[in-house]
Amino acid sequence: MRFPIDTSGLGFTVRSPPTAAKDFATKKVKVTEDGQPVMVVKLLAMDGNDSTMIKFNLAGEHHHLVPGMPVRVEGLSYGMAKDSEVRWWSANAVVPINGASIAPAALVASTAGEPMTGTRGRNPIGAARHSSASAAGEAGGEG
């Protein structure tokens, strides 16, 4: 199951340079069916009160993404397997905000057909809930 994320109130910054993704079983660098490299992209997502690191795989070269660069994330979603123990982030594209034009990169699924585990079992929705709980408490509501 995938949950789309409204990114309109979020800011994203590149956390570290993209690195080549490796296949879990073979430890070899992943490539798409058409031979494009698969890169691991790590971003810092911020809502003005709190932040968290998210990580996902994108097809194609993304060496233009440098640490500290503000970016826009298109098609961000959070996925969860039926047993709710396997969770992952996905996105359609990561685009620099500075206006540089780059073609959107397609999301790359795991070669084994398994979801990517970018959050290592942590619940980012819960983290956002906790960061907004104090604001809701101040307004007399519950978080």
N, C-alpha and C. Protein backbone atom coordinates (compact mmCIF):
# COMPACT_ATOMS: atom_id res chain seq x y z
N MET A 1 0.85 -1.17 0.00
CA MET A 1 0.00 0.00 0.00
C MET A 1 0.89 1.24 0.00
N ARG A 2 0.52 2.22 -0.80
CA ARG A 2 1.29 3.46 -0.88
C ARG A 2 0.42 4.63 -0.44
N PHE A 3 1.04 5.54 0.30
CA PHE A 3 0.37 6.73 0.78
C PHE A 3 1.05 7.94 0.15
N PRO A 4 0.37 8.69 -0.71
CA PRO A 4 0.98 9.89 -1.30
C PRO A 4 1.19 10.95 -0.23
N ILE A 5 2.30 11.69 -0.35
CA ILE A 5 2.65 12.72 0.62
C ILE A 5 2.48 14.09 -0.04
N ASP A 6 1.73 14.98 0.60
CA ASP A 6 1.58 16.35 0.13
C ASP A 6 2.86 17.10 0.52
N THR A 7 3.65 17.46 -0.45
CA THR A 7 4.94 18.11 -0.17
C THR A 7 4.85 19.63 -0.19
N SER A 8 3.65 20.18 -0.35
CA SER A 8 3.52 21.64 -0.47
C SER A 8 4.00 22.38 0.77
N GLY A 9 3.92 21.80 1.96
CA GLY A 9 4.37 22.47 3.17
C GLY A 9 5.72 21.98 3.66
N LEU A 10 6.44 21.25 2.81
CA LEU A 10 7.72 20.68 3.21
C LEU A 10 8.87 21.29 2.42
N GLY A 11 10.02 21.35 3.03
CA GLY A 11 11.24 21.74 2.35
C GLY A 11 12.17 20.54 2.30
N PHE A 12 12.94 20.42 1.24
CA PHE A 12 13.87 19.30 1.10
C PHE A 12 15.25 19.83 0.76
N THR A 13 16.26 19.23 1.36
CA THR A 13 17.65 19.57 1.10
C THR A 13 18.41 18.27 0.88
N VAL A 14 19.31 18.27 -0.08
CA VAL A 14 20.15 17.10 -0.32
C VAL A 14 21.04 16.90 0.89
N ARG A 15 21.04 15.70 1.45
CA ARG A 15 21.81 15.41 2.66
C ARG A 15 23.23 14.97 2.34
N SER A 16 23.38 14.16 1.30
CA SER A 16 24.70 13.66 0.92
C SER A 16 24.69 13.37 -0.58
N PRO A 17 25.87 13.29 -1.19
CA PRO A 17 25.91 13.01 -2.64
C PRO A 17 25.26 11.66 -2.92
N PRO A 18 24.51 11.55 -4.02
CA PRO A 18 23.93 10.26 -4.39
C PRO A 18 25.03 9.22 -4.59
N THR A 19 24.73 8.00 -4.21
CA THR A 19 25.68 6.90 -4.36
C THR A 19 25.04 5.78 -5.15
N ALA A 20 25.85 4.94 -5.74
CA ALA A 20 25.33 3.81 -6.51
C ALA A 20 24.64 2.82 -5.58
N ALA A 21 23.45 2.40 -5.97
CA ALA A 21 22.71 1.39 -5.20
C ALA A 21 23.29 0.01 -5.51
N LYS A 22 23.29 -0.84 -4.52
CA LYS A 22 23.79 -2.20 -4.71
C LYS A 22 22.68 -3.20 -4.48
N ASP A 23 22.70 -4.26 -5.28
CA ASP A 23 21.74 -5.34 -5.13
C ASP A 23 21.98 -6.03 -3.80
N PHE A 24 20.93 -6.25 -3.03
CA PHE A 24 21.06 -6.83 -1.70
C PHE A 24 21.69 -8.23 -1.76
N ALA A 25 21.27 -9.05 -2.70
CA ALA A 25 21.75 -10.43 -2.78
C ALA A 25 23.15 -10.54 -3.37
N THR A 26 23.40 -9.85 -4.49
CA THR A 26 24.67 -10.03 -5.20
C THR A 26 25.74 -9.02 -4.80
N LYS A 27 25.34 -7.93 -4.17
CA LYS A 27 26.24 -6.83 -3.78
C LYS A 27 26.82 -6.10 -4.99
N LYS A 28 26.28 -6.35 -6.18
CA LYS A 28 26.72 -5.66 -7.39
C LYS A 28 25.90 -4.38 -7.55
N VAL A 29 26.46 -3.41 -8.27
CA VAL A 29 25.77 -2.15 -8.53
C VAL A 29 24.51 -2.43 -9.34
N LYS A 30 23.39 -1.83 -8.91
CA LYS A 30 22.12 -2.01 -9.60
C LYS A 30 22.07 -1.15 -10.85
N VAL A 31 21.45 -1.69 -11.88
CA VAL A 31 21.17 -0.94 -13.10
C VAL A 31 19.74 -1.27 -13.53
N THR A 32 19.14 -0.36 -14.28
CA THR A 32 17.80 -0.60 -14.80
C THR A 32 17.88 -1.55 -15.98
N GLU A 33 16.72 -1.96 -16.48
CA GLU A 33 16.69 -2.86 -17.63
C GLU A 33 17.35 -2.23 -18.85
N ASP A 34 17.29 -0.90 -18.95
CA ASP A 34 17.92 -0.24 -20.09
C ASP A 34 19.35 0.21 -19.80
N GLY A 35 19.93 -0.24 -18.68
CA GLY A 35 21.34 -0.01 -18.39
C GLY A 35 21.68 1.24 -17.60
N GLN A 36 20.66 2.02 -17.17
CA GLN A 36 20.94 3.22 -16.38
C GLN A 36 21.35 2.82 -14.96
N PRO A 37 22.29 3.53 -14.37
CA PRO A 37 22.65 3.23 -12.98
C PRO A 37 21.50 3.61 -12.05
N VAL A 38 21.41 2.92 -10.94
CA VAL A 38 20.42 3.24 -9.91
C VAL A 38 21.18 3.92 -8.78
N MET A 39 20.70 5.10 -8.39
CA MET A 39 21.38 5.88 -7.36
C MET A 39 20.53 5.97 -6.10
N VAL A 40 21.20 5.94 -4.93
CA VAL A 40 20.54 6.14 -3.64
C VAL A 40 20.59 7.64 -3.36
N VAL A 41 19.42 8.24 -3.17
CA VAL A 41 19.30 9.66 -2.89
C VAL A 41 18.85 9.83 -1.45
N LYS A 42 19.61 10.63 -0.68
CA LYS A 42 19.26 10.92 0.71
C LYS A 42 18.94 12.40 0.84
N LEU A 43 17.75 12.67 1.38
CA LEU A 43 17.30 14.05 1.55
C LEU A 43 16.92 14.30 2.99
N LEU A 44 17.00 15.55 3.39
CA LEU A 44 16.50 15.99 4.67
C LEU A 44 15.16 16.65 4.38
N ALA A 45 14.08 16.11 4.97
CA ALA A 45 12.74 16.66 4.81
C ALA A 45 12.43 17.50 6.03
N MET A 46 11.94 18.72 5.82
CA MET A 46 11.69 19.65 6.94
C MET A 46 10.30 20.26 6.80
N ASP A 47 9.64 20.46 7.97
CA ASP A 47 8.32 21.09 7.96
C ASP A 47 8.29 22.41 8.72
N GLY A 48 9.42 22.93 9.13
CA GLY A 48 9.48 24.18 9.88
C GLY A 48 9.62 23.95 11.37
N ASN A 49 9.20 22.78 11.85
CA ASN A 49 9.32 22.44 13.27
C ASN A 49 10.24 21.26 13.51
N ASP A 50 10.31 20.36 12.55
CA ASP A 50 11.06 19.12 12.73
C ASP A 50 11.64 18.71 11.38
N SER A 51 12.52 17.73 11.41
CA SER A 51 13.11 17.22 10.18
C SER A 51 13.39 15.74 10.33
N THR A 52 13.50 15.07 9.20
CA THR A 52 13.87 13.65 9.18
C THR A 52 14.57 13.35 7.86
N MET A 53 15.41 12.33 7.87
CA MET A 53 16.11 11.91 6.66
C MET A 53 15.25 10.89 5.94
N ILE A 54 15.13 11.04 4.63
CA ILE A 54 14.46 10.03 3.82
C ILE A 54 15.44 9.56 2.75
N LYS A 55 15.27 8.32 2.33
CA LYS A 55 16.20 7.73 1.36
C LYS A 55 15.40 6.86 0.40
N PHE A 56 15.72 6.96 -0.88
CA PHE A 56 15.08 6.13 -1.88
C PHE A 56 15.98 6.02 -3.10
N ASN A 57 15.66 5.10 -4.00
CA ASN A 57 16.44 4.87 -5.21
C ASN A 57 15.80 5.56 -6.40
N LEU A 58 16.62 6.16 -7.26
CA LEU A 58 16.17 6.76 -8.51
C LEU A 58 17.07 6.29 -9.64
N ALA A 59 16.46 6.10 -10.80
CA ALA A 59 17.24 5.69 -11.97
C ALA A 59 17.97 6.88 -12.56
N GLY A 60 19.14 6.64 -13.10
CA GLY A 60 19.90 7.67 -13.80
C GLY A 60 20.95 8.32 -12.93
N GLU A 61 21.83 9.06 -13.58
CA GLU A 61 22.89 9.79 -12.89
C GLU A 61 22.29 11.00 -12.18
N HIS A 62 22.67 11.22 -10.96
CA HIS A 62 22.18 12.37 -10.20
C HIS A 62 23.33 13.06 -9.48
N HIS A 63 24.48 13.13 -10.14
CA HIS A 63 25.66 13.74 -9.52
C HIS A 63 25.53 15.26 -9.39
N HIS A 64 24.53 15.85 -10.04
CA HIS A 64 24.28 17.28 -9.91
C HIS A 64 23.68 17.62 -8.55
N LEU A 65 23.17 16.62 -7.83
CA LEU A 65 22.60 16.85 -6.50
C LEU A 65 23.74 16.87 -5.48
N VAL A 66 23.96 18.03 -4.89
CA VAL A 66 25.08 18.18 -3.95
C VAL A 66 24.54 18.52 -2.55
N PRO A 67 25.25 18.12 -1.50
CA PRO A 67 24.79 18.39 -0.14
C PRO A 67 24.47 19.87 0.07
N GLY A 68 23.34 20.12 0.72
CA GLY A 68 22.92 21.47 1.02
C GLY A 68 22.03 22.09 -0.05
N MET A 69 21.92 21.45 -1.20
CA MET A 69 21.11 21.98 -2.30
C MET A 69 19.62 21.82 -1.99
N PRO A 70 18.84 22.92 -2.07
CA PRO A 70 17.39 22.78 -1.90
C PRO A 70 16.79 22.14 -3.15
N VAL A 71 15.88 21.21 -2.95
CA VAL A 71 15.27 20.49 -4.07
C VAL A 71 13.76 20.38 -3.87
N ARG A 72 13.09 20.07 -4.95
CA ARG A 72 11.66 19.77 -4.95
C ARG A 72 11.53 18.28 -5.24
N VAL A 73 10.67 17.61 -4.50
CA VAL A 73 10.45 16.18 -4.70
C VAL A 73 9.09 16.01 -5.36
N GLU A 74 9.07 15.34 -6.50
CA GLU A 74 7.83 15.11 -7.22
C GLU A 74 7.37 13.67 -7.01
N GLY A 75 6.10 13.51 -6.70
CA GLY A 75 5.52 12.17 -6.56
C GLY A 75 6.00 11.42 -5.33
N LEU A 76 6.22 12.13 -4.22
CA LEU A 76 6.68 11.47 -3.00
C LEU A 76 5.57 10.61 -2.40
N SER A 77 5.91 9.40 -2.01
CA SER A 77 4.95 8.53 -1.32
C SER A 77 5.69 7.66 -0.32
N TYR A 78 4.91 7.16 0.61
CA TYR A 78 5.42 6.27 1.66
C TYR A 78 4.70 4.95 1.48
N GLY A 79 5.46 3.87 1.36
CA GLY A 79 4.88 2.57 1.13
C GLY A 79 5.01 1.67 2.33
N MET A 80 4.06 0.73 2.42
CA MET A 80 4.07 -0.20 3.54
C MET A 80 3.54 -1.54 3.03
N ALA A 81 4.28 -2.61 3.36
CA ALA A 81 3.82 -3.95 3.00
C ALA A 81 2.63 -4.33 3.87
N LYS A 82 1.94 -5.38 3.49
CA LYS A 82 0.74 -5.78 4.22
C LYS A 82 0.98 -6.06 5.69
N ASP A 83 2.15 -6.59 6.02
CA ASP A 83 2.42 -6.90 7.43
C ASP A 83 2.89 -5.67 8.20
N SER A 84 3.04 -4.54 7.53
CA SER A 84 3.42 -3.25 8.11
C SER A 84 4.82 -3.21 8.70
N GLU A 85 5.62 -4.24 8.49
CA GLU A 85 6.99 -4.23 9.01
C GLU A 85 7.99 -3.75 7.98
N VAL A 86 7.66 -3.82 6.71
CA VAL A 86 8.54 -3.36 5.65
C VAL A 86 7.97 -2.05 5.13
N ARG A 87 8.78 -1.00 5.20
CA ARG A 87 8.34 0.34 4.79
C ARG A 87 9.40 0.97 3.90
N TRP A 88 8.95 1.86 3.02
CA TRP A 88 9.90 2.48 2.12
C TRP A 88 9.36 3.81 1.59
N TRP A 89 10.27 4.67 1.17
CA TRP A 89 9.95 5.92 0.51
C TRP A 89 10.11 5.71 -0.99
N SER A 90 9.36 6.45 -1.77
CA SER A 90 9.57 6.46 -3.21
C SER A 90 9.23 7.86 -3.74
N ALA A 91 9.78 8.17 -4.89
CA ALA A 91 9.52 9.46 -5.53
C ALA A 91 9.70 9.30 -7.03
N ASN A 92 9.07 10.18 -7.78
CA ASN A 92 9.22 10.16 -9.23
C ASN A 92 10.43 10.96 -9.69
N ALA A 93 10.75 12.04 -8.98
CA ALA A 93 11.86 12.89 -9.40
C ALA A 93 12.32 13.77 -8.24
N VAL A 94 13.60 14.16 -8.30
CA VAL A 94 14.18 15.13 -7.38
C VAL A 94 14.77 16.23 -8.25
N VAL A 95 14.23 17.44 -8.12
CA VAL A 95 14.59 18.53 -9.02
C VAL A 95 15.15 19.70 -8.21
N PRO A 96 16.34 20.20 -8.58
CA PRO A 96 16.88 21.38 -7.89
C PRO A 96 15.93 22.56 -8.00
N ILE A 97 15.79 23.31 -6.94
CA ILE A 97 14.89 24.47 -6.92
C ILE A 97 15.50 25.64 -7.68
N ASN A 98 16.80 25.67 -7.84
CA ASN A 98 17.46 26.81 -8.48
C ASN A 98 17.11 27.00 -9.94
N GLY A 99 16.19 26.20 -10.49
CA GLY A 99 15.74 26.39 -11.86
C GLY A 99 16.48 25.57 -12.89
N ALA A 100 17.49 24.82 -12.48
CA ALA A 100 18.20 23.97 -13.45
C ALA A 100 17.22 22.96 -14.01
N SER A 101 17.25 22.77 -15.31
CA SER A 101 16.30 21.83 -15.90
C SER A 101 16.96 20.47 -16.06
N ILE A 102 16.30 19.49 -15.50
CA ILE A 102 16.76 18.11 -15.62
C ILE A 102 15.54 17.25 -15.88
N ALA A 103 15.75 16.18 -16.63
CA ALA A 103 14.65 15.26 -16.89
C ALA A 103 14.31 14.50 -15.62
N PRO A 104 13.01 14.29 -15.34
CA PRO A 104 12.63 13.53 -14.16
C PRO A 104 13.16 12.12 -14.24
N ALA A 105 13.56 11.58 -13.12
CA ALA A 105 14.04 10.21 -13.06
C ALA A 105 12.92 9.30 -12.61
N ALA A 106 12.88 8.13 -13.17
CA ALA A 106 11.84 7.18 -12.80
C ALA A 106 12.22 6.45 -11.53
N LEU A 107 11.22 6.13 -10.74
CA LEU A 107 11.44 5.35 -9.54
C LEU A 107 11.88 3.96 -9.95
N VAL A 108 12.83 3.40 -9.25
CA VAL A 108 13.33 2.07 -9.56
C VAL A 108 12.92 1.12 -8.45
N ALA A 109 12.26 0.07 -8.81
CA ALA A 109 11.87 -0.94 -7.83
C ALA A 109 13.03 -1.90 -7.63
N SER A 110 13.05 -2.56 -6.52
CA SER A 110 14.08 -3.54 -6.21
C SER A 110 14.07 -4.63 -7.26
N THR A 111 15.23 -5.14 -7.63
CA THR A 111 15.31 -6.18 -8.65
C THR A 111 14.67 -7.47 -8.19
N ALA A 112 14.57 -7.67 -6.90
CA ALA A 112 13.94 -8.89 -6.37
C ALA A 112 12.43 -8.70 -6.24
N GLY A 113 11.91 -7.55 -6.62
CA GLY A 113 10.49 -7.30 -6.52
C GLY A 113 10.06 -6.93 -5.11
N GLU A 114 11.00 -6.69 -4.24
CA GLU A 114 10.68 -6.31 -2.87
C GLU A 114 10.76 -4.81 -2.72
N PRO A 115 9.97 -4.23 -1.81
CA PRO A 115 10.04 -2.79 -1.61
C PRO A 115 11.35 -2.38 -0.99
N MET A 116 11.73 -1.11 -1.24
CA MET A 116 12.95 -0.57 -0.67
C MET A 116 12.67 -0.14 0.76
N THR A 117 13.62 -0.34 1.66
CA THR A 117 13.41 -0.01 3.06
C THR A 117 14.22 1.22 3.43
N GLY A 118 13.77 2.38 3.00
CA GLY A 118 14.49 3.62 3.24
C GLY A 118 14.38 4.13 4.66
N THR A 119 13.35 3.72 5.41
CA THR A 119 13.18 4.28 6.74
C THR A 119 13.59 3.31 7.84
N ARG A 120 14.02 2.14 7.47
CA ARG A 120 14.48 1.14 8.44
C ARG A 120 13.49 0.93 9.58
N GLY A 121 12.22 0.84 9.24
CA GLY A 121 11.20 0.52 10.21
C GLY A 121 10.68 1.68 11.02
N ARG A 122 11.23 2.87 10.84
CA ARG A 122 10.72 4.03 11.58
C ARG A 122 9.50 4.58 10.87
N ASN A 123 8.60 5.13 11.62
CA ASN A 123 7.38 5.67 11.06
C ASN A 123 7.49 7.18 10.93
N PRO A 124 7.71 7.70 9.71
CA PRO A 124 7.86 9.14 9.53
C PRO A 124 6.57 9.89 9.81
N ILE A 125 5.45 9.22 9.62
CA ILE A 125 4.17 9.86 9.89
C ILE A 125 4.05 10.11 11.39
N GLY A 126 4.50 9.15 12.20
CA GLY A 126 4.50 9.31 13.65
C GLY A 126 5.41 10.44 14.08
N ALA A 127 6.56 10.56 13.41
CA ALA A 127 7.50 11.63 13.75
C ALA A 127 6.87 12.98 13.46
N ALA A 128 6.17 13.08 12.33
CA ALA A 128 5.51 14.34 11.99
C ALA A 128 4.40 14.63 12.99
N ARG A 129 3.68 13.57 13.41
CA ARG A 129 2.61 13.75 14.37
C ARG A 129 3.15 14.30 15.68
N HIS A 130 4.31 13.78 16.12
CA HIS A 130 4.89 14.24 17.37
C HIS A 130 5.38 15.67 17.27
N SER A 131 5.90 16.05 16.10
CA SER A 131 6.40 17.41 15.98
C SER A 131 5.26 18.41 15.96
N SER A 132 4.08 17.99 15.48
CA SER A 132 2.97 18.91 15.45
C SER A 132 2.10 18.81 16.71
N ALA A 133 2.38 17.83 17.56
CA ALA A 133 1.59 17.65 18.78
C ALA A 133 1.68 18.85 19.69
N SER A 134 2.87 19.43 19.83
CA SER A 134 3.02 20.56 20.73
C SER A 134 2.25 21.77 20.19
N ALA A 135 2.26 21.96 18.88
CA ALA A 135 1.53 23.07 18.29
C ALA A 135 0.02 22.86 18.47
N ALA A 136 -0.43 21.61 18.30
CA ALA A 136 -1.84 21.32 18.48
C ALA A 136 -2.24 21.47 19.94
N GLY A 137 -1.33 21.08 20.85
CA GLY A 137 -1.60 21.21 22.27
C GLY A 137 -1.73 22.66 22.67
N GLU A 138 -0.93 23.53 22.07
CA GLU A 138 -1.00 24.95 22.38
C GLU A 138 -2.32 25.54 21.91
N ALA A 139 -2.87 24.94 20.81
CA ALA A 139 -4.13 25.45 20.27
C ALA A 139 -5.33 24.79 20.94
N GLY A 140 -5.07 23.89 21.89
CA GLY A 140 -6.14 23.23 22.62
C GLY A 140 -6.57 21.93 21.97
N GLY A 141 -5.91 21.51 20.86
CA GLY A 141 -6.27 20.26 20.20
C GLY A 141 -5.34 19.15 20.60
N GLU A 142 -5.60 17.97 20.06
CA GLU A 142 -4.76 16.82 20.36
C GLU A 142 -3.99 16.46 19.11
N GLY A 143 -2.68 15.96 19.23
CA GLY A 143 -1.85 15.65 18.07
C GLY A 143 -1.99 14.35 17.61
